[in-house]
Amino acid sequence: MHTTTRKILGFFVFFFSSLYPATSQIRVGNLLLYENTTNLNVGKLTAICPSSDGYLWFGSENGLVQFDGYRYKFIEASADGITGNKITDLSEDSIGNLWIGTYNDGISKYNLATKRYRRYPQLWQSGSSVQRVNKVLVLPDGDIWLATNGMGLAHYLPKTDSF
C-alpha cells in the first residue's frame, strides 16, 4: 500500500476514533492506525492535501492540521499564520506553496521551504468584509485561480503577489 494512502487511512481512523477513549496505536498488516490520544478538536474535515515535503495537511472547520505520519500539529489562525480557522480548500503549487482557502477570511499561502505564511485576508476591494474562498485550483501551467462565494473568480498575479 502506498505510504500516502496509509497515512490518509491512518488519519481517518484517528479522526473517527476520536469519539472514543484512546490508549494506543494499532497495527493491522502494513497499516498503522492512530487513535486520538492528543484530543485534537478538529471538528469536521473539509480538505486533504499531501505536500511535496512529505506531510499530509488536513483542513477542518476549526483550523489546519499537519501530519508527519506519526504526530499531528494543530494550527489555528493568528496574525502571522493562517487568516481563518474554517478551512475550505487546500492545494500545493509547483514551487512549494500550500494555498489555504478559508470560509470568510480570504486565503493564506504557506511556503513549505521557509515555513512562513503570506496572508491575503482581502482578495480585492469588493466592499465586503467576507472573503469566502470555496475552491483553490492550481493549473498545470502554474496559474492559480480561486472560486469565491459571491465575488466570482480570483486569479493570482505572481508579479504583484496579489489577486
C-alpha atoms as a PDB file:
ATOM      1  CA  MET A   1       0.000   0.000   0.000  1.00  0.00           C
ATOM      2  CA  HIS A   2       1.367   3.461  -0.915  1.00  0.00           C
ATOM      3  CA  THR A   3       2.747   5.485   2.034  1.00  0.00           C
ATOM      4  CA  THR A   4       0.432   8.452   1.414  1.00  0.00           C
ATOM      5  CA  THR A   5      -2.590   6.145   1.266  1.00  0.00           C
ATOM      6  CA  ARG A   6      -1.578   4.566   4.565  1.00  0.00           C
ATOM      7  CA  LYS A   7      -1.209   7.988   6.160  1.00  0.00           C
ATOM      8  CA  ILE A   8      -4.628   9.100   4.908  1.00  0.00           C
ATOM      9  CA  LEU A   9      -6.269   5.924   6.162  1.00  0.00           C
ATOM     10  CA  GLY A  10      -4.455   6.301   9.454  1.00  0.00           C
ATOM     11  CA  PHE A  11      -5.745   9.838   9.848  1.00  0.00           C
ATOM     12  CA  PHE A  12      -9.340   8.804   9.142  1.00  0.00           C
ATOM     13  CA  VAL A  13      -9.105   6.063  11.732  1.00  0.00           C
ATOM     14  CA  PHE A  14      -7.640   8.654  14.117  1.00  0.00           C
ATOM     15  CA  PHE A  15     -10.425  11.092  13.353  1.00  0.00           C
ATOM     16  CA  PHE A  16     -13.262   8.631  13.763  1.00  0.00           C
ATOM     17  CA  SER A  17     -11.682   7.053  16.818  1.00  0.00           C
ATOM     18  CA  SER A  18     -11.683  10.473  18.492  1.00  0.00           C
ATOM     19  CA  LEU A  19     -15.221   9.690  19.550  1.00  0.00           C
ATOM     20  CA  TYR A  20     -13.893   7.023  21.908  1.00  0.00           C
ATOM     21  CA  PRO A  21     -11.195   6.975  24.602  1.00  0.00           C
ATOM     22  CA  ALA A  22      -7.820   6.051  23.099  1.00  0.00           C
ATOM     23  CA  THR A  23      -4.946   4.115  24.524  1.00  0.00           C
ATOM     24  CA  SER A  24      -2.502   3.217  21.733  1.00  0.00           C
ATOM     25  CA  GLN A  25      -1.567   2.747  18.122  1.00  0.00           C
ATOM     26  CA  ILE A  26      -2.752  -0.429  16.435  1.00  0.00           C
ATOM     27  CA  ARG A  27      -1.028  -2.215  13.571  1.00  0.00           C
ATOM     28  CA  VAL A  28      -3.212  -4.069  11.048  1.00  0.00           C
ATOM     29  CA  GLY A  29      -0.919  -5.693   8.485  1.00  0.00           C
ATOM     30  CA  ASN A  30       1.146  -2.894   6.953  1.00  0.00           C
ATOM     31  CA  LEU A  31      -1.309  -0.260   8.137  1.00  0.00           C
ATOM     32  CA  LEU A  32      -0.710   1.653  11.349  1.00  0.00           C
ATOM     33  CA  LEU A  33      -3.919   3.010  12.835  1.00  0.00           C
ATOM     34  CA  TYR A  34      -3.696   6.082  15.042  1.00  0.00           C
ATOM     35  CA  GLU A  35      -6.087   6.708  17.866  1.00  0.00           C
ATOM     36  CA  ASN A  36      -6.807  10.180  19.200  1.00  0.00           C
ATOM     37  CA  THR A  37      -4.582  10.386  22.257  1.00  0.00           C
ATOM     38  CA  THR A  38      -3.999  14.121  21.781  1.00  0.00           C
ATOM     39  CA  ASN A  39      -7.668  15.151  21.928  1.00  0.00           C
ATOM     40  CA  LEU A  40      -7.403  17.403  18.887  1.00  0.00           C
ATOM     41  CA  ASN A  41     -10.624  19.309  18.379  1.00  0.00           C
ATOM     42  CA  VAL A  42     -10.552  19.479  14.595  1.00  0.00           C
ATOM     43  CA  GLY A  43     -14.303  19.181  14.053  1.00  0.00           C
ATOM     44  CA  LYS A  44     -15.401  18.261  10.550  1.00  0.00           C
ATOM     45  CA  LEU A  45     -12.656  17.684   7.954  1.00  0.00           C
ATOM     46  CA  THR A  46     -13.087  19.803   4.834  1.00  0.00           C
ATOM     47  CA  ALA A  47      -9.921  19.285   2.754  1.00  0.00           C
ATOM     48  CA  ILE A  48      -6.888  16.998   2.425  1.00  0.00           C
ATOM     49  CA  CYS A  49      -3.634  17.770   0.613  1.00  0.00           C
ATOM     50  CA  PRO A  50      -0.397  15.765   0.553  1.00  0.00           C
ATOM     51  CA  SER A  51       2.568  18.131   0.188  1.00  0.00           C
ATOM     52  CA  SER A  52       5.853  17.633  -1.637  1.00  0.00           C
ATOM     53  CA  ASP A  53       7.784  17.725   1.661  1.00  0.00           C
ATOM     54  CA  GLY A  54       6.075  14.534   2.850  1.00  0.00           C
ATOM     55  CA  TYR A  55       3.356  15.912   5.123  1.00  0.00           C
ATOM     56  CA  LEU A  56      -0.372  15.429   4.933  1.00  0.00           C
ATOM     57  CA  TRP A  57      -2.393  18.589   5.517  1.00  0.00           C
ATOM     58  CA  PHE A  58      -5.989  18.487   6.691  1.00  0.00           C
ATOM     59  CA  GLY A  59      -8.326  21.445   6.635  1.00  0.00           C
ATOM     60  CA  SER A  60     -11.101  21.436   9.189  1.00  0.00           C
ATOM     61  CA  GLU A  61     -13.831  23.672  10.496  1.00  0.00           C
ATOM     62  CA  ASN A  62     -11.570  24.536  13.468  1.00  0.00           C
ATOM     63  CA  GLY A  63      -8.143  25.009  11.870  1.00  0.00           C
ATOM     64  CA  LEU A  64      -5.356  23.312   9.967  1.00  0.00           C
ATOM     65  CA  VAL A  65      -3.673  20.010  10.852  1.00  0.00           C
ATOM     66  CA  GLN A  66      -0.199  18.939   9.729  1.00  0.00           C
ATOM     67  CA  PHE A  67       0.513  15.206   9.948  1.00  0.00           C
ATOM     68  CA  ASP A  68       4.013  13.736   9.520  1.00  0.00           C
ATOM     69  CA  GLY A  69       2.964  10.080   9.685  1.00  0.00           C
ATOM     70  CA  TYR A  70       3.412   9.914  13.455  1.00  0.00           C
ATOM     71  CA  ARG A  71       2.346  13.200  15.024  1.00  0.00           C
ATOM     72  CA  TYR A  72      -0.350  15.788  14.446  1.00  0.00           C
ATOM     73  CA  LYS A  73       0.258  19.524  14.708  1.00  0.00           C
ATOM     74  CA  PHE A  74      -2.834  21.684  15.066  1.00  0.00           C
ATOM     75  CA  ILE A  75      -2.545  25.202  13.605  1.00  0.00           C
ATOM     76  CA  GLU A  76      -5.045  27.942  14.400  1.00  0.00           C
ATOM     77  CA  ALA A  77      -5.454  31.377  12.832  1.00  0.00           C
ATOM     78  CA  SER A  78      -3.006  34.020  14.045  1.00  0.00           C
ATOM     79  CA  ALA A  79      -1.573  37.376  12.987  1.00  0.00           C
ATOM     80  CA  ASP A  80       1.466  35.685  11.439  1.00  0.00           C
ATOM     81  CA  GLY A  81      -0.263  32.461  10.319  1.00  0.00           C
ATOM     82  CA  ILE A  82      -3.414  31.402   8.536  1.00  0.00           C
ATOM     83  CA  THR A  83      -6.146  34.017   8.067  1.00  0.00           C
ATOM     84  CA  GLY A  84      -9.021  31.956   9.458  1.00  0.00           C
ATOM     85  CA  ASN A  85      -9.859  28.665  11.152  1.00  0.00           C
ATOM     86  CA  LYS A  86     -12.660  27.466   8.866  1.00  0.00           C
ATOM     87  CA  ILE A  87     -10.630  25.874   6.086  1.00  0.00           C
ATOM     88  CA  THR A  88     -12.489  25.305   2.800  1.00  0.00           C
ATOM     89  CA  ASP A  89      -9.749  24.016   0.494  1.00  0.00           C
ATOM     90  CA  LEU A  90      -6.028  23.189   0.292  1.00  0.00           C
ATOM     91  CA  SER A  91      -3.752  22.931  -2.719  1.00  0.00           C
ATOM     92  CA  GLU A  92       0.006  22.960  -3.357  1.00  0.00           C
ATOM     93  CA  ASP A  93       1.503  24.851  -6.291  1.00  0.00           C
ATOM     94  CA  SER A  94       4.522  23.804  -8.364  1.00  0.00           C
ATOM     95  CA  ILE A  95       7.009  25.921  -6.381  1.00  0.00           C
ATOM     96  CA  GLY A  96       6.189  24.544  -2.928  1.00  0.00           C
ATOM     97  CA  ASN A  97       3.495  26.840  -1.590  1.00  0.00           C
ATOM     98  CA  LEU A  98       0.482  25.426   0.224  1.00  0.00           C
ATOM     99  CA  TRP A  99      -2.611  27.565  -0.502  1.00  0.00           C
ATOM    100  CA  ILE A 100      -5.145  27.551   2.341  1.00  0.00           C
ATOM    101  CA  GLY A 101      -8.633  28.815   1.455  1.00  0.00           C
ATOM    102  CA  THR A 102     -10.950  29.895   4.258  1.00  0.00           C
ATOM    103  CA  TYR A 103     -14.682  30.276   4.750  1.00  0.00           C
ATOM    104  CA  ASN A 104     -14.764  34.028   5.483  1.00  0.00           C
ATOM    105  CA  ASP A 105     -11.178  35.246   5.742  1.00  0.00           C
ATOM    106  CA  GLY A 106      -9.589  35.040   2.291  1.00  0.00           C
ATOM    107  CA  ILE A 107      -6.594  32.801   1.682  1.00  0.00           C
ATOM    108  CA  SER A 108      -3.133  32.132   3.082  1.00  0.00           C
ATOM    109  CA  LYS A 109      -0.012  30.926   1.318  1.00  0.00           C
ATOM    110  CA  TYR A 110       2.419  28.775   3.325  1.00  0.00           C
ATOM    111  CA  ASN A 111       5.912  28.346   1.894  1.00  0.00           C
ATOM    112  CA  LEU A 112       6.934  24.770   2.695  1.00  0.00           C
ATOM    113  CA  ALA A 113      10.680  25.563   2.493  1.00  0.00           C
ATOM    114  CA  THR A 114      10.807  28.752   4.581  1.00  0.00           C
ATOM    115  CA  LYS A 115       7.890  27.796   6.887  1.00  0.00           C
ATOM    116  CA  ARG A 116       6.421  31.300   6.506  1.00  0.00           C
ATOM    117  CA  TYR A 117       2.893  32.435   5.801  1.00  0.00           C
ATOM    118  CA  ARG A 118       1.661  35.180   3.490  1.00  0.00           C
ATOM    119  CA  ARG A 119      -1.884  36.303   4.264  1.00  0.00           C
ATOM    120  CA  TYR A 120      -4.457  37.600   1.776  1.00  0.00           C
ATOM    121  CA  PRO A 121      -7.447  38.471   4.005  1.00  0.00           C
ATOM    122  CA  GLN A 122      -8.836  40.797   1.298  1.00  0.00           C
ATOM    123  CA  LEU A 123      -8.620  39.326  -2.195  1.00  0.00           C
ATOM    124  CA  TRP A 124      -9.596  42.671  -3.692  1.00  0.00           C
ATOM    125  CA  GLN A 125     -11.615  45.688  -2.685  1.00  0.00           C
ATOM    126  CA  SER A 126     -15.103  44.277  -3.073  1.00  0.00           C
ATOM    127  CA  GLY A 127     -16.740  46.345  -0.346  1.00  0.00           C
ATOM    128  CA  SER A 128     -17.421  43.136   1.578  1.00  0.00           C
ATOM    129  CA  SER A 129     -15.671  42.034   4.738  1.00  0.00           C
ATOM    130  CA  VAL A 130     -16.500  38.419   3.824  1.00  0.00           C
ATOM    131  CA  GLN A 131     -13.821  36.938   1.568  1.00  0.00           C
ATOM    132  CA  ARG A 132     -15.049  33.366   1.156  1.00  0.00           C
ATOM    133  CA  VAL A 133     -12.858  31.019  -0.891  1.00  0.00           C
ATOM    134  CA  ASN A 134     -14.738  27.913  -1.967  1.00  0.00           C
ATOM    135  CA  LYS A 135     -12.066  26.253  -4.128  1.00  0.00           C
ATOM    136  CA  VAL A 136      -8.357  26.677  -4.879  1.00  0.00           C
ATOM    137  CA  LEU A 137      -7.326  25.462  -8.339  1.00  0.00           C
ATOM    138  CA  VAL A 138      -3.659  25.181  -9.313  1.00  0.00           C
ATOM    139  CA  LEU A 139      -3.361  24.587 -13.047  1.00  0.00           C
ATOM    140  CA  PRO A 140      -0.513  22.605 -14.665  1.00  0.00           C
ATOM    141  CA  ASP A 141       0.912  25.834 -16.139  1.00  0.00           C
ATOM    142  CA  GLY A 142       1.217  27.291 -12.603  1.00  0.00           C
ATOM    143  CA  ASP A 143      -1.799  29.617 -12.751  1.00  0.00           C
ATOM    144  CA  ILE A 144      -3.775  29.816  -9.520  1.00  0.00           C
ATOM    145  CA  TRP A 145      -7.496  30.510  -9.533  1.00  0.00           C
ATOM    146  CA  LEU A 146      -9.911  30.851  -6.646  1.00  0.00           C
ATOM    147  CA  ALA A 147     -13.640  30.245  -6.804  1.00  0.00           C
ATOM    148  CA  THR A 148     -15.271  32.599  -4.340  1.00  0.00           C
ATOM    149  CA  ASN A 149     -18.735  32.964  -2.909  1.00  0.00           C
ATOM    150  CA  GLY A 150     -20.470  35.965  -4.456  1.00  0.00           C
ATOM    151  CA  MET A 151     -17.314  37.623  -5.832  1.00  0.00           C
ATOM    152  CA  GLY A 152     -16.610  35.468  -8.879  1.00  0.00           C
ATOM    153  CA  LEU A 153     -13.197  34.101  -9.817  1.00  0.00           C
ATOM    154  CA  ALA A 154      -9.913  35.442  -8.476  1.00  0.00           C
ATOM    155  CA  HIS A 155      -6.666  34.999 -10.411  1.00  0.00           C
ATOM    156  CA  TYR A 156      -3.312  35.117  -8.612  1.00  0.00           C
ATOM    157  CA  LEU A 157      -0.781  37.511 -10.157  1.00  0.00           C
ATOM    158  CA  PRO A 158       2.707  36.379  -9.064  1.00  0.00           C
ATOM    159  CA  LYS A 159       4.481  39.533 -10.317  1.00  0.00           C
ATOM    160  CA  THR A 160       2.483  41.710  -7.912  1.00  0.00           C
ATOM    161  CA  ASP A 161       1.798  38.947  -5.354  1.00  0.00           C
ATOM    162  CA  SER A 162      -1.902  39.828  -5.436  1.00  0.00           C
ATOM    163  CA  PHE A 163      -5.266  38.764  -6.859  1.00  0.00           C
END
